Amino acid sequence: MDAAKRILWVLNQQYHIEYSPLVPVILSLLLIFLNEPEAYIVTRTLIERSRKSNTEREIRWHLTLRKVEFGKCGGPCKNV
């Protein structure tokens, strides 16, 4: 629990996360299998990939950082 709080605090300082209900859930799952630095790096990478525009061949991880973006989906998941 303490590791998750530390990582979430750091991520919030870096990305100014306003609303992202999936990040704590994913991070908690990662901390079951990975140590704290590894879980941080994987979560940070998922957030970075969500922020970039992706090509159609790449998997689209959509982790929202603002409440306005929550529920919106761009790219390949439009047709789902």
Protein backbone atom coordinates (compact mmCIF):
# COMPACT_ATOMS: atom_id res chain seq x y z
CA MET A 1 0.00 0.00 0.00
CA ASP A 2 2.81 2.41 0.86
CA ALA A 3 4.63 1.64 -2.40
CA ALA A 4 1.46 2.35 -4.40
CA LYS A 5 0.97 5.67 -2.61
CA ARG A 6 4.57 6.70 -3.28
CA ILE A 7 4.37 5.81 -6.96
CA LEU A 8 0.99 7.50 -7.44
CA TRP A 9 2.31 10.66 -5.78
CA VAL A 10 5.34 10.76 -8.10
CA LEU A 11 3.21 10.10 -11.19
CA ASN A 12 0.82 12.86 -10.17
CA GLN A 13 3.73 15.29 -9.79
CA GLN A 14 5.04 14.38 -13.26
CA TYR A 15 1.79 14.20 -15.24
CA HIS A 16 -0.63 16.31 -13.17
CA ILE A 17 -3.21 13.53 -13.13
CA GLU A 18 -6.67 14.97 -12.57
CA TYR A 19 -8.78 11.84 -13.00
CA SER A 20 -7.55 8.39 -13.90
CA PRO A 21 -9.35 5.54 -12.13
CA LEU A 22 -7.44 2.82 -14.00
CA VAL A 23 -3.92 3.86 -12.95
CA PRO A 24 -4.23 2.78 -9.26
CA VAL A 25 -5.82 -0.53 -10.26
CA ILE A 26 -3.13 -1.35 -12.82
CA LEU A 27 -0.39 -0.23 -10.45
CA SER A 28 -1.74 -2.42 -7.65
CA LEU A 29 -1.73 -5.44 -9.93
CA LEU A 30 1.81 -4.70 -11.10
CA LEU A 31 3.04 -4.43 -7.51
CA ILE A 32 1.91 -8.01 -6.88
CA PHE A 33 4.38 -9.29 -9.47
CA LEU A 34 7.05 -6.58 -9.71
CA ASN A 35 9.14 -4.62 -7.25
CA GLU A 36 8.49 -0.91 -6.72
CA PRO A 37 10.92 0.56 -9.30
CA GLU A 38 9.78 -1.89 -11.99
CA ALA A 39 6.08 -1.18 -11.32
CA TYR A 40 6.80 2.56 -11.54
CA ILE A 41 8.59 2.20 -14.89
CA VAL A 42 5.83 0.05 -16.41
CA THR A 43 3.09 2.42 -15.21
CA ARG A 44 5.00 5.46 -16.46
CA THR A 45 5.48 3.78 -19.84
CA LEU A 46 1.75 3.02 -20.10
CA ILE A 47 0.92 6.65 -19.34
CA GLU A 48 3.49 7.89 -21.86
CA ARG A 49 2.11 5.60 -24.57
CA SER A 50 -1.41 6.81 -23.83
CA ARG A 51 -0.33 10.40 -24.34
CA LYS A 52 1.32 9.80 -27.71
CA SER A 53 -0.53 9.25 -30.94
CA ASN A 54 -0.07 5.62 -31.88
CA THR A 55 0.08 3.87 -35.21
CA GLU A 56 -2.57 1.28 -36.04
CA ARG A 57 -0.13 -1.58 -35.51
CA GLU A 58 0.60 -0.59 -31.91
CA ILE A 59 -1.71 -1.51 -29.03
CA ARG A 60 -3.57 1.57 -27.79
CA TRP A 61 -3.37 1.89 -24.01
CA HIS A 62 -5.83 4.56 -23.07
CA LEU A 63 -5.16 5.84 -19.58
CA THR A 64 -6.90 9.16 -19.15
CA LEU A 65 -5.31 11.88 -17.08
CA ARG A 66 -8.17 14.38 -17.07
CA LYS A 67 -11.86 13.91 -16.29
CA VAL A 68 -12.82 15.43 -19.66
CA GLU A 69 -10.99 12.58 -21.45
CA PHE A 70 -12.58 9.79 -19.42
CA GLY A 71 -14.99 7.77 -21.52
CA LYS A 72 -13.60 9.07 -24.81
CA CYS A 73 -11.66 6.73 -27.02
CA GLY A 74 -9.66 7.67 -30.05
CA GLY A 75 -7.92 5.56 -32.63
CA PRO A 76 -8.57 1.82 -33.10
CA CYS A 77 -11.13 1.43 -30.29
CA LYS A 78 -13.65 3.73 -32.01
CA ASN A 79 -15.30 0.77 -33.69
CA VAL A 80 -15.62 -1.35 -30.54
